[in-house]
Structures are given as C-alpha cells and as structure tokens.
Amino acid sequence: MKYLKLTIAGLAMFAFSQTYAQEVDAKVKKRFEKADTNNDKSISLEELTVFYDGKKTKKGDPFNADKIFAKKDTNEDKKLSFEEFNAKGTAKGKKKGKKKN
C-alpha cells in the first residue's frame, strides 16, 4: 500500500510538472509574439526595446534591452529566435566579461 501511494504521488507530481511547463511555454510564446511586432518570427533589438519600454524588473529597475539582447543573441545574428528568447540567462560558451590575467 505504501508503494502504491508513493507511485500515485510521483505520477501526480509528474503530471503537474508537465502541465506547468506547458503553461509556462504558452506564456513565453505569447510574450514572444507580442514583442515580434512585424511577425517575422524573430525579435530585433528595436522590437525588444519597445517591448520593455516602461516595464520594470522585480527590483523596480527599468529593463536594459541592450544587455538582455546581447546575452540572448547567442548566434549573434542580430535577432532573437523563440529559442533564444526563451533561454534562461547567458548561454553556455558566451563570455560574461573579459578575464584579467
């Protein structure tokens, strides 16, 4: 009986996590589409700047679109794909700053 309860709890957690991930993806996709004002399936720096204009971070600071764009444009093609827009933080291999010797 104990194993049955654990199995059911595990399955419930898995189902919840899948539903939550789908909801998050839908929200991110909606934000991406709102930012992509010319509907070319990518976001330019200008579009990102307009998207963040007047918006504040949780700390109350204005968003820095230039900095966000530079971190997310991992292939440096001057536009953000949905995958780049959806990525968290700095992509692996992207330099955060110059190293001092």
PDB file of N, CA and C in Angstrom:
ATOM      1  N   MET A   1       0.814  -1.187   0.000  1.00  0.00           N
ATOM      2  CA  MET A   1       0.000   0.000   0.000  1.00  0.00           C
ATOM      3  C   MET A   1       0.864   1.260   0.000  1.00  0.00           C
ATOM      4  N   LYS A   2       1.981   1.186   0.753  1.00  0.00           N
ATOM      5  CA  LYS A   2       2.882   2.327   0.836  1.00  0.00           C
ATOM      6  C   LYS A   2       3.463   2.651  -0.544  1.00  0.00           C
ATOM      7  N   TYR A   3       3.847   1.620  -1.289  1.00  0.00           N
ATOM      8  CA  TYR A   3       4.426   1.820  -2.616  1.00  0.00           C
ATOM      9  C   TYR A   3       3.398   2.358  -3.593  1.00  0.00           C
ATOM     10  N   LEU A   4       2.161   1.934  -3.447  1.00  0.00           N
ATOM     11  CA  LEU A   4       1.091   2.418  -4.310  1.00  0.00           C
ATOM     12  C   LEU A   4       0.884   3.915  -4.097  1.00  0.00           C
ATOM     13  N   LYS A   5       0.876   4.337  -2.836  1.00  0.00           N
ATOM     14  CA  LYS A   5       0.719   5.765  -2.518  1.00  0.00           C
ATOM     15  C   LYS A   5       1.885   6.576  -3.077  1.00  0.00           C
ATOM     16  N   LEU A   6       3.099   6.055  -2.931  1.00  0.00           N
ATOM     17  CA  LEU A   6       4.273   6.754  -3.457  1.00  0.00           C
ATOM     18  C   LEU A   6       4.230   6.839  -4.980  1.00  0.00           C
ATOM     19  N   THR A   7       3.800   5.770  -5.614  1.00  0.00           N
ATOM     20  CA  THR A   7       3.697   5.753  -7.070  1.00  0.00           C
ATOM     21  C   THR A   7       2.660   6.759  -7.549  1.00  0.00           C
ATOM     22  N   ILE A   8       1.524   6.781  -6.897  1.00  0.00           N
ATOM     23  CA  ILE A   8       0.470   7.737  -7.267  1.00  0.00           C
ATOM     24  C   ILE A   8       0.942   9.160  -7.046  1.00  0.00           C
ATOM     25  N   ALA A   9       1.618   9.412  -5.937  1.00  0.00           N
ATOM     26  CA  ALA A   9       2.140  10.752  -5.660  1.00  0.00           C
ATOM     27  C   ALA A   9       3.166  11.153  -6.714  1.00  0.00           C
ATOM     28  N   GLY A  10       4.024  10.230  -7.093  1.00  0.00           N
ATOM     29  CA  GLY A  10       5.026  10.515  -8.116  1.00  0.00           C
ATOM     30  C   GLY A  10       4.396  10.816  -9.458  1.00  0.00           C
ATOM     31  N   LEU A  11       3.391  10.038  -9.830  1.00  0.00           N
ATOM     32  CA  LEU A  11       2.700  10.288 -11.095  1.00  0.00           C
ATOM     33  C   LEU A  11       1.970  11.627 -11.073  1.00  0.00           C
ATOM     34  N   ALA A  12       1.378  11.971  -9.966  1.00  0.00           N
ATOM     35  CA  ALA A  12       0.686  13.257  -9.844  1.00  0.00           C
ATOM     36  C   ALA A  12       1.670  14.415  -9.987  1.00  0.00           C
ATOM     37  N   MET A  13       2.832  14.285  -9.362  1.00  0.00           N
ATOM     38  CA  MET A  13       3.851  15.334  -9.469  1.00  0.00           C
ATOM     39  C   MET A  13       4.340  15.459 -10.911  1.00  0.00           C
ATOM     40  N   PHE A  14       4.532  14.350 -11.578  1.00  0.00           N
ATOM     41  CA  PHE A  14       4.964  14.366 -12.973  1.00  0.00           C
ATOM     42  C   PHE A  14       3.926  15.048 -13.850  1.00  0.00           C
ATOM     43  N   ALA A  15       2.663  14.702 -13.672  1.00  0.00           N
ATOM     44  CA  ALA A  15       1.586  15.296 -14.463  1.00  0.00           C
ATOM     45  C   ALA A  15       1.507  16.798 -14.217  1.00  0.00           C
ATOM     46  N   PHE A  16       1.630  17.203 -12.962  1.00  0.00           N
ATOM     47  CA  PHE A  16       1.597  18.624 -12.625  1.00  0.00           C
ATOM     48  C   PHE A  16       2.759  19.360 -13.274  1.00  0.00           C
ATOM     49  N   SER A  17       3.953  18.786 -13.216  1.00  0.00           N
ATOM     50  CA  SER A  17       5.123  19.460 -13.786  1.00  0.00           C
ATOM     51  C   SER A  17       4.988  19.613 -15.297  1.00  0.00           C
ATOM     52  N   GLN A  18       4.412  18.609 -15.971  1.00  0.00           N
ATOM     53  CA  GLN A  18       4.208  18.694 -17.416  1.00  0.00           C
ATOM     54  C   GLN A  18       3.196  19.784 -17.756  1.00  0.00           C
ATOM     55  N   THR A  19       2.112  19.857 -17.004  1.00  0.00           N
ATOM     56  CA  THR A  19       1.094  20.882 -17.228  1.00  0.00           C
ATOM     57  C   THR A  19       1.673  22.262 -16.979  1.00  0.00           C
ATOM     58  N   TYR A  20       2.424  22.407 -15.907  1.00  0.00           N
ATOM     59  CA  TYR A  20       3.040  23.688 -15.575  1.00  0.00           C
ATOM     60  C   TYR A  20       4.005  24.118 -16.669  1.00  0.00           C
ATOM     61  N   ALA A  21       4.815  23.202 -17.165  1.00  0.00           N
ATOM     62  CA  ALA A  21       5.767  23.526 -18.232  1.00  0.00           C
ATOM     63  C   ALA A  21       5.037  23.984 -19.485  1.00  0.00           C
ATOM     64  N   GLN A  22       3.930  23.356 -19.809  1.00  0.00           N
ATOM     65  CA  GLN A  22       3.154  23.763 -20.984  1.00  0.00           C
ATOM     66  C   GLN A  22       2.572  25.153 -20.786  1.00  0.00           C
ATOM     67  N   GLU A  23       2.111  25.463 -19.573  1.00  0.00           N
ATOM     68  CA  GLU A  23       1.571  26.790 -19.287  1.00  0.00           C
ATOM     69  C   GLU A  23       2.660  27.849 -19.400  1.00  0.00           C
ATOM     70  N   VAL A  24       3.838  27.552 -18.889  1.00  0.00           N
ATOM     71  CA  VAL A  24       4.959  28.491 -18.965  1.00  0.00           C
ATOM     72  C   VAL A  24       5.344  28.719 -20.424  1.00  0.00           C
ATOM     73  N   ASP A  25       5.443  27.637 -21.206  1.00  0.00           N
ATOM     74  CA  ASP A  25       5.766  27.765 -22.627  1.00  0.00           C
ATOM     75  C   ASP A  25       4.732  28.617 -23.354  1.00  0.00           C
ATOM     76  N   ALA A  26       3.463  28.443 -23.034  1.00  0.00           N
ATOM     77  CA  ALA A  26       2.401  29.224 -23.670  1.00  0.00           C
ATOM     78  C   ALA A  26       2.531  30.703 -23.322  1.00  0.00           C
ATOM     79  N   LYS A  27       2.876  30.998 -22.076  1.00  0.00           N
ATOM     80  CA  LYS A  27       3.056  32.393 -21.661  1.00  0.00           C
ATOM     81  C   LYS A  27       4.256  33.020 -22.361  1.00  0.00           C
ATOM     82  N   VAL A  28       5.346  32.276 -22.457  1.00  0.00           N
ATOM     83  CA  VAL A  28       6.549  32.791 -23.121  1.00  0.00           C
ATOM     84  C   VAL A  28       6.261  33.007 -24.605  1.00  0.00           C
ATOM     85  N   LYS A  29       5.547  32.076 -25.220  1.00  0.00           N
ATOM     86  CA  LYS A  29       5.205  32.204 -26.636  1.00  0.00           C
ATOM     87  C   LYS A  29       4.343  33.439 -26.870  1.00  0.00           C
ATOM     88  N   LYS A  30       3.414  33.700 -25.970  1.00  0.00           N
ATOM     89  CA  LYS A  30       2.554  34.881 -26.078  1.00  0.00           C
ATOM     90  C   LYS A  30       3.381  36.160 -25.963  1.00  0.00           C
ATOM     91  N   ARG A  31       4.336  36.182 -25.020  1.00  0.00           N
ATOM     92  CA  ARG A  31       5.220  37.349 -24.871  1.00  0.00           C
ATOM     93  C   ARG A  31       6.080  37.532 -26.119  1.00  0.00           C
ATOM     94  N   PHE A  32       6.587  36.416 -26.670  1.00  0.00           N
ATOM     95  CA  PHE A  32       7.407  36.473 -27.876  1.00  0.00           C
ATOM     96  C   PHE A  32       6.597  37.074 -29.029  1.00  0.00           C
ATOM     97  N   GLU A  33       5.380  36.591 -29.208  1.00  0.00           N
ATOM     98  CA  GLU A  33       4.533  37.089 -30.289  1.00  0.00           C
ATOM     99  C   GLU A  33       4.178  38.558 -30.106  1.00  0.00           C
ATOM    100  N   LYS A  34       4.009  38.987 -28.865  1.00  0.00           N
ATOM    101  CA  LYS A  34       3.721  40.397 -28.595  1.00  0.00           C
ATOM    102  C   LYS A  34       4.932  41.274 -28.927  1.00  0.00           C
ATOM    103  N   ALA A  35       6.120  40.781 -28.622  1.00  0.00           N
ATOM    104  CA  ALA A  35       7.343  41.541 -28.906  1.00  0.00           C
ATOM    105  C   ALA A  35       7.661  41.559 -30.400  1.00  0.00           C
ATOM    106  N   ASP A  36       7.306  40.500 -31.119  1.00  0.00           N
ATOM    107  CA  ASP A  36       7.583  40.376 -32.559  1.00  0.00           C
ATOM    108  C   ASP A  36       6.522  41.152 -33.348  1.00  0.00           C
ATOM    109  N   THR A  37       6.648  42.464 -33.360  1.00  0.00           N
ATOM    110  CA  THR A  37       5.605  43.313 -33.938  1.00  0.00           C
ATOM    111  C   THR A  37       5.485  43.202 -35.455  1.00  0.00           C
ATOM    112  N   ASN A  38       6.550  42.807 -36.144  1.00  0.00           N
ATOM    113  CA  ASN A  38       6.458  42.669 -37.601  1.00  0.00           C
ATOM    114  C   ASN A  38       6.182  41.226 -38.037  1.00  0.00           C
ATOM    115  N   ASN A  39       5.969  40.343 -37.076  1.00  0.00           N
ATOM    116  CA  ASN A  39       5.596  38.936 -37.323  1.00  0.00           C
ATOM    117  C   ASN A  39       6.563  38.178 -38.231  1.00  0.00           C
ATOM    118  N   ASP A  40       7.857  38.440 -38.071  1.00  0.00           N
ATOM    119  CA  ASP A  40       8.852  37.716 -38.880  1.00  0.00           C
ATOM    120  C   ASP A  40       9.458  36.533 -38.129  1.00  0.00           C
ATOM    121  N   LYS A  41       8.857  36.163 -37.003  1.00  0.00           N
ATOM    122  CA  LYS A  41       9.285  35.013 -36.183  1.00  0.00           C
ATOM    123  C   LYS A  41      10.654  35.226 -35.532  1.00  0.00           C
ATOM    124  N   SER A  42      11.045  36.485 -35.395  1.00  0.00           N
ATOM    125  CA  SER A  42      12.267  36.829 -34.670  1.00  0.00           C
ATOM    126  C   SER A  42      12.080  38.219 -34.079  1.00  0.00           C
ATOM    127  N   ILE A  43      12.902  38.532 -33.086  1.00  0.00           N
ATOM    128  CA  ILE A  43      12.804  39.827 -32.409  1.00  0.00           C
ATOM    129  C   ILE A  43      14.102  40.588 -32.603  1.00  0.00           C
ATOM    130  N   SER A  44      13.989  41.791 -33.134  1.00  0.00           N
ATOM    131  CA  SER A  44      15.152  42.659 -33.311  1.00  0.00           C
ATOM    132  C   SER A  44      15.395  43.430 -32.007  1.00  0.00           C
ATOM    133  N   LEU A  45      16.537  44.081 -31.922  1.00  0.00           N
ATOM    134  CA  LEU A  45      16.838  44.910 -30.747  1.00  0.00           C
ATOM    135  C   LEU A  45      15.799  46.015 -30.607  1.00  0.00           C
ATOM    136  N   GLU A  46      15.390  46.588 -31.722  1.00  0.00           N
ATOM    137  CA  GLU A  46      14.389  47.659 -31.686  1.00  0.00           C
ATOM    138  C   GLU A  46      13.059  47.149 -31.123  1.00  0.00           C
ATOM    139  N   GLU A  47      12.644  45.964 -31.560  1.00  0.00           N
ATOM    140  CA  GLU A  47      11.398  45.392 -31.052  1.00  0.00           C
ATOM    141  C   GLU A  47      11.509  45.087 -29.559  1.00  0.00           C
ATOM    142  N   LEU A  48      12.651  44.562 -29.136  1.00  0.00           N
ATOM    143  CA  LEU A  48      12.843  44.251 -27.722  1.00  0.00           C
ATOM    144  C   LEU A  48      12.848  45.529 -26.884  1.00  0.00           C
ATOM    145  N   THR A  49      13.451  46.581 -27.401  1.00  0.00           N
ATOM    146  CA  THR A  49      13.489  47.865 -26.694  1.00  0.00           C
ATOM    147  C   THR A  49      12.075  48.401 -26.497  1.00  0.00           C
ATOM    148  N   VAL A  50      11.256  48.357 -27.548  1.00  0.00           N
ATOM    149  CA  VAL A  50       9.866  48.817 -27.450  1.00  0.00           C
ATOM    150  C   VAL A  50       9.082  47.922 -26.485  1.00  0.00           C
ATOM    151  N   PHE A  51       9.309  46.621 -26.561  1.00  0.00           N
ATOM    152  CA  PHE A  51       8.608  45.672 -25.694  1.00  0.00           C
ATOM    153  C   PHE A  51       8.862  45.978 -24.219  1.00  0.00           C
ATOM    154  N   TYR A  52      10.093  46.284 -23.858  1.00  0.00           N
ATOM    155  CA  TYR A  52      10.456  46.534 -22.461  1.00  0.00           C
ATOM    156  C   TYR A  52      10.286  47.994 -22.046  1.00  0.00           C
ATOM    157  N   ASP A  53       9.940  48.880 -22.952  1.00  0.00           N
ATOM    158  CA  ASP A  53       9.801  50.306 -22.642  1.00  0.00           C
ATOM    159  C   ASP A  53       8.762  50.516 -21.537  1.00  0.00           C
ATOM    160  N   GLY A  54       9.189  51.145 -20.471  1.00  0.00           N
ATOM    161  CA  GLY A  54       8.302  51.449 -19.364  1.00  0.00           C
ATOM    162  C   GLY A  54       8.099  50.308 -18.372  1.00  0.00           C
ATOM    163  N   LYS A  55       8.632  49.125 -18.667  1.00  0.00           N
ATOM    164  CA  LYS A  55       8.474  47.993 -17.758  1.00  0.00           C
ATOM    165  C   LYS A  55       9.626  47.955 -16.767  1.00  0.00           C
ATOM    166  N   LYS A  56       9.351  47.443 -15.594  1.00  0.00           N
ATOM    167  CA  LYS A  56      10.348  47.393 -14.521  1.00  0.00           C
ATOM    168  C   LYS A  56      10.608  45.950 -14.100  1.00  0.00           C
ATOM    169  N   THR A  57      11.810  45.712 -13.592  1.00  0.00           N
ATOM    170  CA  THR A  57      12.155  44.409 -13.033  1.00  0.00           C
ATOM    171  C   THR A  57      11.470  44.255 -11.682  1.00  0.00           C
ATOM    172  N   LYS A  58      11.589  43.081 -11.075  1.00  0.00           N
ATOM    173  CA  LYS A  58      11.006  42.857  -9.749  1.00  0.00           C
ATOM    174  C   LYS A  58      11.601  43.796  -8.708  1.00  0.00           C
ATOM    175  N   LYS A  59      12.834  44.238  -8.957  1.00  0.00           N
ATOM    176  CA  LYS A  59      13.503  45.165  -8.034  1.00  0.00           C
ATOM    177  C   LYS A  59      13.083  46.613  -8.278  1.00  0.00           C
ATOM    178  N   GLY A  60      12.314  46.845  -9.366  1.00  0.00           N
ATOM    179  CA  GLY A  60      11.852  48.199  -9.661  1.00  0.00           C
ATOM    180  C   GLY A  60      12.744  48.957 -10.626  1.00  0.00           C
ATOM    181  N   ASP A  61      13.786  48.314 -11.118  1.00  0.00           N
ATOM    182  CA  ASP A  61      14.688  48.954 -12.077  1.00  0.00           C
ATOM    183  C   ASP A  61      14.147  48.765 -13.499  1.00  0.00           C
ATOM    184  N   PRO A  62      14.422  49.717 -14.394  1.00  0.00           N
ATOM    185  CA  PRO A  62      13.986  49.518 -15.783  1.00  0.00           C
ATOM    186  C   PRO A  62      14.793  48.391 -16.442  1.00  0.00           C
ATOM    187  N   PHE A  63      14.147  47.662 -17.361  1.00  0.00           N
ATOM    188  CA  PHE A  63      14.842  46.620 -18.098  1.00  0.00           C
ATOM    189  C   PHE A  63      15.874  47.248 -19.026  1.00  0.00           C
ATOM    190  N   ASN A  64      17.022  46.606 -19.165  1.00  0.00           N
ATOM    191  CA  ASN A  64      18.051  47.051 -20.089  1.00  0.00           C
ATOM    192  C   ASN A  64      17.995  46.150 -21.324  1.00  0.00           C
ATOM    193  N   ALA A  65      17.250  46.580 -22.341  1.00  0.00           N
ATOM    194  CA  ALA A  65      17.033  45.767 -23.539  1.00  0.00           C
ATOM    195  C   ALA A  65      18.351  45.449 -24.245  1.00  0.00           C
ATOM    196  N   ASP A  66      19.280  46.410 -24.274  1.00  0.00           N
ATOM    197  CA  ASP A  66      20.574  46.169 -24.931  1.00  0.00           C
ATOM    198  C   ASP A  66      21.312  45.006 -24.274  1.00  0.00           C
ATOM    199  N   LYS A  67      21.341  45.005 -22.958  1.00  0.00           N
ATOM    200  CA  LYS A  67      22.048  43.963 -22.211  1.00  0.00           C
ATOM    201  C   LYS A  67      21.355  42.613 -22.373  1.00  0.00           C
ATOM    202  N   ILE A  68      20.043  42.611 -22.282  1.00  0.00           N
ATOM    203  CA  ILE A  68      19.278  41.371 -22.442  1.00  0.00           C
ATOM    204  C   ILE A  68      19.501  40.810 -23.835  1.00  0.00           C
ATOM    205  N   PHE A  69      19.425  41.674 -24.843  1.00  0.00           N
ATOM    206  CA  PHE A  69      19.585  41.232 -26.229  1.00  0.00           C
ATOM    207  C   PHE A  69      20.976  40.636 -26.442  1.00  0.00           C
ATOM    208  N   ALA A  70      21.995  41.312 -25.933  1.00  0.00           N
ATOM    209  CA  ALA A  70      23.370  40.833 -26.104  1.00  0.00           C
ATOM    210  C   ALA A  70      23.570  39.453 -25.468  1.00  0.00           C
ATOM    211  N   LYS A  71      22.952  39.210 -24.321  1.00  0.00           N
ATOM    212  CA  LYS A  71      23.082  37.911 -23.651  1.00  0.00           C
ATOM    213  C   LYS A  71      22.338  36.805 -24.391  1.00  0.00           C
ATOM    214  N   LYS A  72      21.170  37.134 -24.910  1.00  0.00           N
ATOM    215  CA  LYS A  72      20.317  36.113 -25.511  1.00  0.00           C
ATOM    216  C   LYS A  72      20.642  35.818 -26.975  1.00  0.00           C
ATOM    217  N   ASP A  73      21.234  36.759 -27.691  1.00  0.00           N
ATOM    218  CA  ASP A  73      21.544  36.549 -29.112  1.00  0.00           C
ATOM    219  C   ASP A  73      22.815  35.704 -29.227  1.00  0.00           C
ATOM    220  N   THR A  74      22.679  34.427 -28.924  1.00  0.00           N
ATOM    221  CA  THR A  74      23.840  33.548 -28.819  1.00  0.00           C
ATOM    222  C   THR A  74      24.530  33.288 -30.154  1.00  0.00           C
ATOM    223  N   ASN A  75      23.783  33.346 -31.250  1.00  0.00           N
ATOM    224  CA  ASN A  75      24.423  33.132 -32.557  1.00  0.00           C
ATOM    225  C   ASN A  75      24.813  34.450 -33.217  1.00  0.00           C
ATOM    226  N   GLU A  76      24.587  35.541 -32.512  1.00  0.00           N
ATOM    227  CA  GLU A  76      24.994  36.883 -32.928  1.00  0.00           C
ATOM    228  C   GLU A  76      24.526  37.249 -34.335  1.00  0.00           C
ATOM    229  N   ASP A  77      23.265  36.897 -34.649  1.00  0.00           N
ATOM    230  CA  ASP A  77      22.706  37.243 -35.952  1.00  0.00           C
ATOM    231  C   ASP A  77      21.834  38.498 -35.897  1.00  0.00           C
ATOM    232  N   LYS A  78      21.886  39.209 -34.788  1.00  0.00           N
ATOM    233  CA  LYS A  78      21.163  40.465 -34.584  1.00  0.00           C
ATOM    234  C   LYS A  78      19.648  40.285 -34.529  1.00  0.00           C
ATOM    235  N   LYS A  79      19.196  39.072 -34.180  1.00  0.00           N
ATOM    236  CA  LYS A  79      17.776  38.820 -33.963  1.00  0.00           C
ATOM    237  C   LYS A  79      17.639  37.644 -33.008  1.00  0.00           C
ATOM    238  N   LEU A  80      16.531  37.658 -32.264  1.00  0.00           N
ATOM    239  CA  LEU A  80      16.284  36.589 -31.304  1.00  0.00           C
ATOM    240  C   LEU A  80      15.238  35.646 -31.857  1.00  0.00           C
ATOM    241  N   SER A  81      15.601  34.378 -31.931  1.00  0.00           N
ATOM    242  CA  SER A  81      14.629  33.340 -32.257  1.00  0.00           C
ATOM    243  C   SER A  81      13.817  33.064 -30.994  1.00  0.00           C
ATOM    244  N   PHE A  82      12.758  32.281 -31.122  1.00  0.00           N
ATOM    245  CA  PHE A  82      11.976  31.915 -29.935  1.00  0.00           C
ATOM    246  C   PHE A  82      12.852  31.175 -28.931  1.00  0.00           C
ATOM    247  N   GLU A  83      13.709  30.286 -29.418  1.00  0.00           N
ATOM    248  CA  GLU A  83      14.569  29.511 -28.532  1.00  0.00           C
ATOM    249  C   GLU A  83      15.521  30.423 -27.761  1.00  0.00           C
ATOM    250  N   GLU A  84      16.096  31.416 -28.434  1.00  0.00           N
ATOM    251  CA  GLU A  84      16.987  32.355 -27.751  1.00  0.00           C
ATOM    252  C   GLU A  84      16.205  33.193 -26.747  1.00  0.00           C
ATOM    253  N   PHE A  85      15.032  33.663 -27.150  1.00  0.00           N
ATOM    254  CA  PHE A  85      14.189  34.474 -26.270  1.00  0.00           C
ATOM    255  C   PHE A  85      13.788  33.691 -25.027  1.00  0.00           C
ATOM    256  N   ASN A  86      13.515  32.408 -25.190  1.00  0.00           N
ATOM    257  CA  ASN A  86      13.056  31.547 -24.116  1.00  0.00           C
ATOM    258  C   ASN A  86      14.191  31.071 -23.203  1.00  0.00           C
ATOM    259  N   ALA A  87      15.429  31.161 -23.651  1.00  0.00           N
ATOM    260  CA  ALA A  87      16.572  30.671 -22.870  1.00  0.00           C
ATOM    261  C   ALA A  87      16.747  31.479 -21.588  1.00  0.00           C
ATOM    262  N   LYS A  88      17.147  30.791 -20.553  1.00  0.00           N
ATOM    263  CA  LYS A  88      17.400  31.435 -19.263  1.00  0.00           C
ATOM    264  C   LYS A  88      18.854  31.873 -19.180  1.00  0.00           C
ATOM    265  N   GLY A  89      19.091  33.097 -18.760  1.00  0.00           N
ATOM    266  CA  GLY A  89      20.445  33.584 -18.518  1.00  0.00           C
ATOM    267  C   GLY A  89      21.340  33.599 -19.739  1.00  0.00           C
ATOM    268  N   THR A  90      22.614  33.492 -19.490  1.00  0.00           N
ATOM    269  CA  THR A  90      23.620  33.504 -20.541  1.00  0.00           C
ATOM    270  C   THR A  90      23.847  32.098 -21.053  1.00  0.00           C
ATOM    271  N   ALA A  91      23.895  31.949 -22.336  1.00  0.00           N
ATOM    272  CA  ALA A  91      24.099  30.624 -22.928  1.00  0.00           C
ATOM    273  C   ALA A  91      25.508  30.124 -22.647  1.00  0.00           C
ATOM    274  N   LYS A  92      25.651  28.818 -22.598  1.00  0.00           N
ATOM    275  CA  LYS A  92      26.948  28.198 -22.362  1.00  0.00           C
ATOM    276  C   LYS A  92      27.913  28.610 -23.467  1.00  0.00           C
ATOM    277  N   GLY A  93      29.097  28.991 -23.086  1.00  0.00           N
ATOM    278  CA  GLY A  93      30.106  29.376 -24.065  1.00  0.00           C
ATOM    279  C   GLY A  93      30.135  30.875 -24.329  1.00  0.00           C
ATOM    280  N   LYS A  94      29.106  31.578 -23.915  1.00  0.00           N
ATOM    281  CA  LYS A  94      29.039  33.029 -24.101  1.00  0.00           C
ATOM    282  C   LYS A  94      29.837  33.684 -22.985  1.00  0.00           C
ATOM    283  N   LYS A  95      30.711  34.608 -23.335  1.00  0.00           N
ATOM    284  CA  LYS A  95      31.555  35.239 -22.330  1.00  0.00           C
ATOM    285  C   LYS A  95      30.767  36.314 -21.584  1.00  0.00           C
ATOM    286  N   LYS A  96      30.934  36.328 -20.263  1.00  0.00           N
ATOM    287  CA  LYS A  96      30.263  37.325 -19.434  1.00  0.00           C
ATOM    288  C   LYS A  96      31.088  38.604 -19.313  1.00  0.00           C
ATOM    289  N   GLY A  97      32.315  38.527 -19.588  1.00  0.00           N
ATOM    290  CA  GLY A  97      33.180  39.685 -19.460  1.00  0.00           C
ATOM    291  C   GLY A  97      34.605  39.298 -19.768  1.00  0.00           C
ATOM    292  N   LYS A  98      35.460  40.286 -19.783  1.00  0.00           N
ATOM    293  CA  LYS A  98      36.860  39.995 -20.092  1.00  0.00           C
ATOM    294  C   LYS A  98      37.567  39.469 -18.854  1.00  0.00           C
ATOM    295  N   LYS A  99      38.381  38.471 -19.054  1.00  0.00           N
ATOM    296  CA  LYS A  99      39.171  37.926 -17.953  1.00  0.00           C
ATOM    297  C   LYS A  99      40.428  38.750 -17.781  1.00  0.00           C
ATOM    298  N   LYS A 100      40.772  38.942 -16.526  1.00  0.00           N
ATOM    299  CA  LYS A 100      42.019  39.639 -16.234  1.00  0.00           C
ATOM    300  C   LYS A 100      43.112  38.632 -16.041  1.00  0.00           C
ATOM    301  N   ASN A 101      44.263  38.892 -16.606  1.00  0.00           N
ATOM    302  CA  ASN A 101      45.409  37.978 -16.471  1.00  0.00           C
ATOM    303  C   ASN A 101      46.210  38.301 -15.259  1.00  0.00           C
TER     304      ASN A 101
END
